[in-house]
Amino acid sequence: MTDREPVKVGVYIPPEILHRKGLNDRQKLVLASIVQLYQSKRSCYASNAHFEQWFGVPKKEVSVTISLLARKDLLKVAITYKGKQVIRRDLTPNLRSLRIQPKRMVGLSRISGEGIP
């Protein structure tokens, strides 16, 4: 982990993830954070370094966790390349498989332009 100050934000773990069999605590935490980011911005492109800083878990372990969640069809990973360089990685949770209702935004913030529940 880096010497930067930890991120001061919480993660809500929906019961559909919390009580899911076949996932360990780290997998549930990473999946819940991806769902939370996805629902707040309709996209999740957080890097392994972001999760490393957020949870204090090495980037390699984050990568393995994300790959495992994708193999279990709980997450779709789409990578955009420019030549051989990765430009962006989009993480899309499979809300249907997780049985989580998509969050409906009812408006936009005048300040940030972000969706408001």
Protein backbone atom coordinates (compact mmCIF):
# COMPACT_ATOMS: atom_id res chain seq x y z
CA MET A 1 0.00 0.00 0.00
CA THR A 2 1.17 3.53 -0.68
CA ASP A 3 1.89 6.20 1.92
CA ARG A 4 -1.15 8.19 0.88
CA GLU A 5 -3.93 8.77 3.38
CA PRO A 6 -6.70 6.16 3.12
CA VAL A 7 -9.90 7.07 1.32
CA LYS A 8 -12.59 8.15 3.76
CA VAL A 9 -15.68 6.65 2.21
CA GLY A 10 -17.89 3.71 3.06
CA VAL A 11 -19.22 0.81 1.03
CA TYR A 12 -22.80 -0.38 1.35
CA ILE A 13 -23.01 -4.14 0.83
CA PRO A 14 -26.50 -5.03 -0.41
CA PRO A 15 -28.05 -8.14 1.17
CA GLU A 16 -28.04 -9.82 -2.27
CA ILE A 17 -24.23 -9.72 -2.12
CA LEU A 18 -23.72 -10.04 1.64
CA HIS A 19 -25.64 -13.34 1.87
CA ARG A 20 -24.41 -14.77 -1.43
CA LYS A 21 -22.88 -18.22 -1.07
CA GLY A 22 -19.61 -19.02 -2.81
CA LEU A 23 -17.97 -15.60 -2.30
CA ASN A 24 -15.45 -14.72 0.38
CA ASP A 25 -15.48 -11.41 2.26
CA ARG A 26 -12.98 -9.70 -0.07
CA GLN A 27 -14.95 -10.73 -3.16
CA LYS A 28 -18.16 -9.39 -1.60
CA LEU A 29 -16.47 -6.11 -0.68
CA VAL A 30 -14.96 -5.57 -4.13
CA LEU A 31 -18.20 -6.55 -5.88
CA ALA A 32 -20.29 -4.26 -3.64
CA SER A 33 -17.95 -1.34 -4.28
CA ILE A 34 -18.15 -1.92 -8.05
CA VAL A 35 -21.97 -2.03 -7.85
CA GLN A 36 -21.96 1.18 -5.78
CA LEU A 37 -19.66 3.01 -8.21
CA TYR A 38 -21.61 1.70 -11.21
CA GLN A 39 -24.97 2.77 -9.80
CA SER A 40 -23.75 6.24 -8.85
CA LYS A 41 -22.12 7.02 -12.22
CA ARG A 42 -23.62 4.37 -14.60
CA SER A 43 -20.04 3.27 -15.13
CA CYS A 44 -17.18 1.84 -13.08
CA TYR A 45 -13.68 2.23 -14.41
CA ALA A 46 -11.81 2.11 -11.09
CA SER A 47 -8.27 0.80 -11.39
CA ASN A 48 -6.66 -1.90 -9.30
CA ALA A 49 -4.61 0.90 -7.70
CA HIS A 50 -7.86 2.60 -6.66
CA PHE A 51 -9.06 -0.54 -4.90
CA GLU A 52 -5.59 -1.04 -3.37
CA GLN A 53 -5.80 2.41 -1.81
CA TRP A 54 -9.46 2.00 -0.82
CA PHE A 55 -9.12 -1.41 0.88
CA GLY A 56 -5.40 -1.81 1.55
CA VAL A 57 -5.28 -4.94 -0.63
CA PRO A 58 -2.37 -5.46 -3.08
CA LYS A 59 -3.20 -4.71 -6.75
CA LYS A 60 -2.43 -8.32 -7.76
CA GLU A 61 -5.05 -9.63 -5.31
CA VAL A 62 -7.58 -7.09 -6.61
CA SER A 63 -6.89 -8.27 -10.17
CA VAL A 64 -7.37 -11.91 -9.18
CA THR A 65 -10.62 -11.05 -7.35
CA ILE A 66 -12.04 -9.14 -10.33
CA SER A 67 -11.09 -11.97 -12.70
CA LEU A 68 -12.81 -14.51 -10.45
CA LEU A 69 -15.98 -12.39 -10.24
CA ALA A 70 -16.00 -12.15 -14.04
CA ARG A 71 -15.60 -15.95 -14.37
CA LYS A 72 -18.60 -16.39 -12.04
CA ASP A 73 -20.60 -14.12 -14.42
CA LEU A 74 -21.18 -11.53 -11.69
CA LEU A 75 -19.20 -8.92 -13.53
CA LYS A 76 -18.32 -8.01 -17.10
CA VAL A 77 -14.86 -6.60 -17.82
CA ALA A 78 -14.36 -4.58 -21.01
CA ILE A 79 -10.87 -3.32 -21.79
CA THR A 80 -10.12 -0.57 -24.30
CA TYR A 81 -6.67 -0.65 -25.88
CA LYS A 82 -4.62 1.82 -27.88
CA GLY A 83 -2.08 -0.40 -29.56
CA LYS A 84 -0.84 -2.64 -26.74
CA GLN A 85 -1.55 -0.08 -24.01
CA VAL A 86 -4.67 -0.34 -21.85
CA ILE A 87 -6.58 2.93 -22.05
CA ARG A 88 -9.56 2.04 -19.88
CA ARG A 89 -11.16 -0.90 -18.11
CA ASP A 90 -14.92 -0.81 -17.59
CA LEU A 91 -16.44 -3.01 -14.89
CA THR A 92 -20.15 -3.69 -15.28
CA PRO A 93 -21.89 -5.70 -12.56
CA ASN A 94 -24.43 -8.27 -13.70
CA LEU A 95 -27.35 -6.76 -11.76
CA ARG A 96 -29.77 -9.37 -13.09
CA SER A 97 -27.62 -12.26 -11.87
CA LEU A 98 -27.11 -10.48 -8.55
CA ARG A 99 -30.87 -9.78 -8.33
CA ILE A 100 -30.22 -6.10 -7.62
CA GLN A 101 -32.65 -3.55 -8.98
CA PRO A 102 -31.00 -0.87 -11.13
CA LYS A 103 -30.93 2.45 -9.33
CA ARG A 104 -33.10 4.99 -11.10
CA MET A 105 -31.84 8.55 -11.11
CA VAL A 106 -34.58 11.19 -10.94
CA GLY A 107 -32.53 14.28 -11.67
CA LEU A 108 -29.13 15.82 -12.18
CA SER A 109 -27.14 17.98 -9.80
CA ARG A 110 -26.74 21.52 -11.11
CA ILE A 111 -23.30 21.67 -9.53
CA SER A 112 -21.69 18.38 -10.59
CA GLY A 113 -24.01 17.13 -13.31
CA GLU A 114 -24.19 13.78 -11.48
CA GLY A 115 -27.40 11.81 -11.05
CA ILE A 116 -29.46 12.39 -7.91
CA PRO A 117 -31.52 9.50 -6.50
